[in-house]
């Protein structure tokens, strides 16, 4: 069964084009290191919550947009090998591919696939 890495972040809305460029380069690197598919989405209908919500989780400011992304890997083992290679790839160094958002508010995690239809 495939393995998924998921990400949620708050990106300054003014940085949308910078985020797209960052994501395009990152997608190339991830695929070269074993990822099957990369999905990048820009928040369009992401309501504020009172107790929980995407905006609350990433401490979204008024001038930011929530992004939701995921990477599909063939397996957890492939993901672990891929991540090690990605972290060593010079294209992913902050000087070469800076994150156009506050990485301290990035939420991420790895997930086992239960159902895939």
C-alpha atoms as a PDB file:
ATOM      1  CA  UNK A   1       0.000   0.000   0.000  1.00  0.00           C
ATOM      2  CA  UNK A   2       1.238   3.517  -0.750  1.00  0.00           C
ATOM      3  CA  UNK A   3       2.435   5.975   1.889  1.00  0.00           C
ATOM      4  CA  UNK A   4       1.425   9.639   2.105  1.00  0.00           C
ATOM      5  CA  UNK A   5       3.228  12.697   3.446  1.00  0.00           C
ATOM      6  CA  UNK A   6       0.814  15.559   4.156  1.00  0.00           C
ATOM      7  CA  UNK A   7       1.544  19.250   4.649  1.00  0.00           C
ATOM      8  CA  UNK A   8      -0.455  22.313   5.678  1.00  0.00           C
ATOM      9  CA  UNK A   9       1.013  25.823   5.742  1.00  0.00           C
ATOM     10  CA  UNK A  10       0.006  29.478   5.720  1.00  0.00           C
ATOM     11  CA  UNK A  11       1.547  31.312   2.770  1.00  0.00           C
ATOM     12  CA  UNK A  12       1.497  35.088   2.394  1.00  0.00           C
ATOM     13  CA  UNK A  13      -1.055  35.583  -0.384  1.00  0.00           C
ATOM     14  CA  UNK A  14       1.302  37.981  -2.127  1.00  0.00           C
ATOM     15  CA  UNK A  15       3.806  35.086  -2.415  1.00  0.00           C
ATOM     16  CA  UNK A  16       1.526  32.806  -4.456  1.00  0.00           C
ATOM     17  CA  UNK A  17       3.766  32.932  -7.552  1.00  0.00           C
ATOM     18  CA  UNK A  18       6.882  32.347  -5.417  1.00  0.00           C
ATOM     19  CA  UNK A  19       5.126  29.401  -3.773  1.00  0.00           C
ATOM     20  CA  UNK A  20       4.240  27.908  -7.154  1.00  0.00           C
ATOM     21  CA  UNK A  21       7.884  28.147  -8.282  1.00  0.00           C
ATOM     22  CA  UNK A  22       9.068  26.623  -4.988  1.00  0.00           C
ATOM     23  CA  UNK A  23       6.531  23.805  -5.345  1.00  0.00           C
ATOM     24  CA  UNK A  24       7.416  23.105  -8.998  1.00  0.00           C
ATOM     25  CA  UNK A  25      11.110  22.672  -8.207  1.00  0.00           C
ATOM     26  CA  UNK A  26      10.319  20.621  -5.111  1.00  0.00           C
ATOM     27  CA  UNK A  27       8.019  18.351  -7.144  1.00  0.00           C
ATOM     28  CA  UNK A  28      10.802  17.610  -9.635  1.00  0.00           C
ATOM     29  CA  UNK A  29      13.187  16.719  -6.812  1.00  0.00           C
ATOM     30  CA  UNK A  30      10.612  14.569  -4.983  1.00  0.00           C
ATOM     31  CA  UNK A  31       9.754  12.626  -8.151  1.00  0.00           C
ATOM     32  CA  UNK A  32      13.427  12.069  -8.953  1.00  0.00           C
ATOM     33  CA  UNK A  33      13.794  10.558  -5.494  1.00  0.00           C
ATOM     34  CA  UNK A  34      10.879   8.134  -5.724  1.00  0.00           C
ATOM     35  CA  UNK A  35       7.624  10.026  -5.154  1.00  0.00           C
ATOM     36  CA  UNK A  36       4.745   8.831  -7.325  1.00  0.00           C
ATOM     37  CA  UNK A  37       2.599  11.953  -7.195  1.00  0.00           C
ATOM     38  CA  UNK A  38       2.708  15.446  -5.709  1.00  0.00           C
ATOM     39  CA  UNK A  39      -0.433  17.504  -5.096  1.00  0.00           C
ATOM     40  CA  UNK A  40      -0.241  21.205  -4.249  1.00  0.00           C
ATOM     41  CA  UNK A  41      -3.459  23.068  -3.490  1.00  0.00           C
ATOM     42  CA  UNK A  42      -4.197  26.728  -2.755  1.00  0.00           C
ATOM     43  CA  UNK A  43      -6.972  27.436  -0.242  1.00  0.00           C
ATOM     44  CA  UNK A  44     -10.216  28.605  -1.817  1.00  0.00           C
ATOM     45  CA  UNK A  45     -12.951  27.663   0.642  1.00  0.00           C
ATOM     46  CA  UNK A  46     -11.154  27.184   3.970  1.00  0.00           C
ATOM     47  CA  UNK A  47     -13.418  28.411   6.788  1.00  0.00           C
ATOM     48  CA  UNK A  48     -12.180  29.745  10.091  1.00  0.00           C
ATOM     49  CA  UNK A  49     -13.208  27.581  12.999  1.00  0.00           C
ATOM     50  CA  UNK A  50     -13.941  28.361  16.598  1.00  0.00           C
ATOM     51  CA  UNK A  51     -12.156  25.365  18.090  1.00  0.00           C
ATOM     52  CA  UNK A  52     -10.330  23.684  15.196  1.00  0.00           C
ATOM     53  CA  UNK A  53      -9.681  24.513  11.550  1.00  0.00           C
ATOM     54  CA  UNK A  54      -6.897  24.637   9.006  1.00  0.00           C
ATOM     55  CA  UNK A  55      -6.433  28.406   9.552  1.00  0.00           C
ATOM     56  CA  UNK A  56      -6.216  27.955  13.324  1.00  0.00           C
ATOM     57  CA  UNK A  57      -3.808  25.050  13.020  1.00  0.00           C
ATOM     58  CA  UNK A  58      -1.263  27.107  11.034  1.00  0.00           C
ATOM     59  CA  UNK A  59      -1.998  30.403  12.807  1.00  0.00           C
ATOM     60  CA  UNK A  60      -3.054  31.990   9.505  1.00  0.00           C
ATOM     61  CA  UNK A  61      -2.887  35.770   9.365  1.00  0.00           C
ATOM     62  CA  UNK A  62      -5.332  37.940   7.421  1.00  0.00           C
ATOM     63  CA  UNK A  63      -2.890  38.371   4.523  1.00  0.00           C
ATOM     64  CA  UNK A  64      -2.162  34.626   4.166  1.00  0.00           C
ATOM     65  CA  UNK A  65      -3.735  31.674   2.389  1.00  0.00           C
ATOM     66  CA  UNK A  66      -3.752  28.071   3.614  1.00  0.00           C
ATOM     67  CA  UNK A  67      -2.070  25.536   1.335  1.00  0.00           C
ATOM     68  CA  UNK A  68      -2.637  21.805   1.586  1.00  0.00           C
ATOM     69  CA  UNK A  69      -0.198  19.443  -0.086  1.00  0.00           C
ATOM     70  CA  UNK A  70       0.558  15.768  -0.166  1.00  0.00           C
ATOM     71  CA  UNK A  71       3.089  13.415  -1.658  1.00  0.00           C
ATOM     72  CA  UNK A  72       2.304   9.821  -2.578  1.00  0.00           C
ATOM     73  CA  UNK A  73       5.116   7.293  -2.211  1.00  0.00           C
ATOM     74  CA  UNK A  74       5.115   3.614  -3.209  1.00  0.00           C
ATOM     75  CA  UNK A  75       5.802   2.602   0.421  1.00  0.00           C
ATOM     76  CA  UNK A  76       7.069   3.944   3.723  1.00  0.00           C
ATOM     77  CA  UNK A  77      10.455   2.432   2.969  1.00  0.00           C
ATOM     78  CA  UNK A  78      10.644   4.288  -0.371  1.00  0.00           C
ATOM     79  CA  UNK A  79       9.600   7.465   1.415  1.00  0.00           C
ATOM     80  CA  UNK A  80      12.332   7.115   4.036  1.00  0.00           C
ATOM     81  CA  UNK A  81      15.008   6.585   1.373  1.00  0.00           C
ATOM     82  CA  UNK A  82      13.551   9.405  -0.729  1.00  0.00           C
ATOM     83  CA  UNK A  83      13.477  11.890   2.136  1.00  0.00           C
ATOM     84  CA  UNK A  84      17.108  11.216   2.974  1.00  0.00           C
ATOM     85  CA  UNK A  85      18.087  11.884  -0.639  1.00  0.00           C
ATOM     86  CA  UNK A  86      15.858  14.990  -0.800  1.00  0.00           C
ATOM     87  CA  UNK A  87      17.483  16.467   2.305  1.00  0.00           C
ATOM     88  CA  UNK A  88      20.910  15.947   0.721  1.00  0.00           C
ATOM     89  CA  UNK A  89      19.889  17.315  -2.699  1.00  0.00           C
ATOM     90  CA  UNK A  90      21.447  20.782  -3.198  1.00  0.00           C
ATOM     91  CA  UNK A  91      18.347  21.974  -5.094  1.00  0.00           C
ATOM     92  CA  UNK A  92      16.420  21.781  -1.823  1.00  0.00           C
ATOM     93  CA  UNK A  93      18.899  23.895   0.148  1.00  0.00           C
ATOM     94  CA  UNK A  94      17.212  27.099   1.383  1.00  0.00           C
ATOM     95  CA  UNK A  95      19.685  29.195  -0.623  1.00  0.00           C
ATOM     96  CA  UNK A  96      18.550  27.465  -3.831  1.00  0.00           C
ATOM     97  CA  UNK A  97      14.847  26.925  -3.086  1.00  0.00           C
ATOM     98  CA  UNK A  98      13.745  29.163  -0.185  1.00  0.00           C
ATOM     99  CA  UNK A  99      10.379  28.529   1.422  1.00  0.00           C
ATOM    100  CA  UNK A 100       8.162  31.570   0.702  1.00  0.00           C
ATOM    101  CA  UNK A 101       6.330  31.101   4.020  1.00  0.00           C
ATOM    102  CA  UNK A 102       7.029  30.671   7.733  1.00  0.00           C
ATOM    103  CA  UNK A 103       8.282  27.105   8.057  1.00  0.00           C
ATOM    104  CA  UNK A 104       7.752  27.208  11.823  1.00  0.00           C
ATOM    105  CA  UNK A 105       3.993  27.077  11.183  1.00  0.00           C
ATOM    106  CA  UNK A 106       4.206  24.207   8.683  1.00  0.00           C
ATOM    107  CA  UNK A 107       2.360  21.101   9.845  1.00  0.00           C
ATOM    108  CA  UNK A 108       3.382  17.783   8.345  1.00  0.00           C
ATOM    109  CA  UNK A 109       3.173  14.077   8.918  1.00  0.00           C
ATOM    110  CA  UNK A 110       3.378  10.643   7.326  1.00  0.00           C
ATOM    111  CA  UNK A 111       0.315   8.468   6.881  1.00  0.00           C
ATOM    112  CA  UNK A 112      -0.413   4.834   6.083  1.00  0.00           C
ATOM    113  CA  UNK A 113      -2.959   4.406   3.330  1.00  0.00           C
ATOM    114  CA  UNK A 114      -6.120   2.667   4.548  1.00  0.00           C
ATOM    115  CA  UNK A 115      -8.301   2.990   1.448  1.00  0.00           C
ATOM    116  CA  UNK A 116      -7.362   4.129  -2.043  1.00  0.00           C
ATOM    117  CA  UNK A 117     -10.053   3.992  -4.723  1.00  0.00           C
END
